[in-house]
Amino acid sequence: MTIEAGGRFLGSYRDSPTGWFSHVVVVKNGRIYDGFGPETGLEVEDYKNLWEYADAINWPF
C-alpha cells in the first residue's frame, strides 16, 4: 500500500528528512510494516505520529 500527500512532500520520517512524495508500507492485522520499523510493526496511530506532515497524508488505512 502506498501513502501519499496529493503530490506534496511527505516531510520528515522518524525525525529524518526524506525528500519522499510517497512511501510503501504493508498493513496486516492492524499493524503497519515498512523497511525502517521494528519487525513486529507499529500500531496505526503510532506509525502516523512518526511523520512530520501526518495531517496532510492521505492514509489509505
Protein backbone atom coordinates (compact mmCIF):
# COMPACT_ATOMS: atom_id res chain seq x y z
CA MET A 1 0.00 0.00 0.00
CA THR A 2 1.30 3.49 -0.79
CA ILE A 3 0.90 6.59 1.33
CA GLU A 4 0.90 9.97 -0.42
CA ALA A 5 0.02 13.58 0.25
CA GLY A 6 -1.62 14.51 -3.05
CA GLY A 7 1.65 15.19 -4.86
CA ARG A 8 3.11 17.05 -1.88
CA PHE A 9 6.27 16.24 0.05
CA LEU A 10 5.61 13.84 2.96
CA GLY A 11 8.01 15.63 5.31
CA SER A 12 10.47 14.09 7.72
CA TYR A 13 10.02 10.50 8.83
CA ARG A 14 11.39 9.40 12.20
CA ASP A 15 12.89 12.90 12.56
CA SER A 16 14.99 12.44 9.39
CA PRO A 17 14.44 14.40 6.17
CA THR A 18 13.35 12.13 3.33
CA GLY A 19 12.52 14.05 0.17
CA TRP A 20 9.77 11.47 -0.41
CA PHE A 21 6.48 12.10 -2.18
CA SER A 22 5.25 8.55 -1.48
CA HIS A 23 6.16 5.60 0.74
CA VAL A 24 5.21 1.93 0.50
CA VAL A 25 4.01 0.07 3.60
CA VAL A 26 2.35 -3.23 4.44
CA VAL A 27 -0.76 -3.27 6.62
CA LYS A 28 -1.60 -6.54 8.34
CA ASN A 29 -3.80 -7.22 11.35
CA GLY A 30 -3.99 -3.53 12.24
CA ARG A 31 -0.22 -3.04 12.23
CA ILE A 32 1.99 -1.12 9.80
CA TYR A 33 5.25 -2.53 8.48
CA ASP A 34 7.90 -0.81 6.41
CA GLY A 35 11.62 -1.21 5.80
CA PHE A 36 12.53 1.10 8.69
CA GLY A 37 10.33 -0.02 11.58
CA PRO A 38 10.51 -2.90 14.01
CA GLU A 39 9.81 -6.35 12.61
CA THR A 40 6.73 -6.51 14.86
CA GLY A 41 5.28 -3.47 13.07
CA LEU A 42 3.59 -0.49 14.69
CA GLU A 43 0.04 0.39 15.66
CA VAL A 44 -1.56 2.72 13.10
CA GLU A 45 -1.58 5.82 15.33
CA ASP A 46 1.99 5.23 16.48
CA TYR A 47 3.09 4.96 12.86
CA LYS A 48 1.26 8.14 11.82
CA ASN A 49 2.97 10.06 14.62
CA LEU A 50 6.36 9.38 13.01
CA TRP A 51 5.58 11.73 10.09
CA GLU A 52 6.20 15.47 10.11
CA TYR A 53 3.11 16.24 7.98
CA ALA A 54 0.86 13.40 9.17
CA ASP A 55 -2.22 15.59 8.88
CA ALA A 56 -1.57 16.16 5.14
CA ILE A 57 -1.04 12.49 4.24
CA ASN A 58 -3.86 10.55 2.58
CA TRP A 59 -3.89 7.48 4.83
CA PRO A 60 -5.45 4.52 2.97
CA PHE A 61 -5.93 2.60 6.24
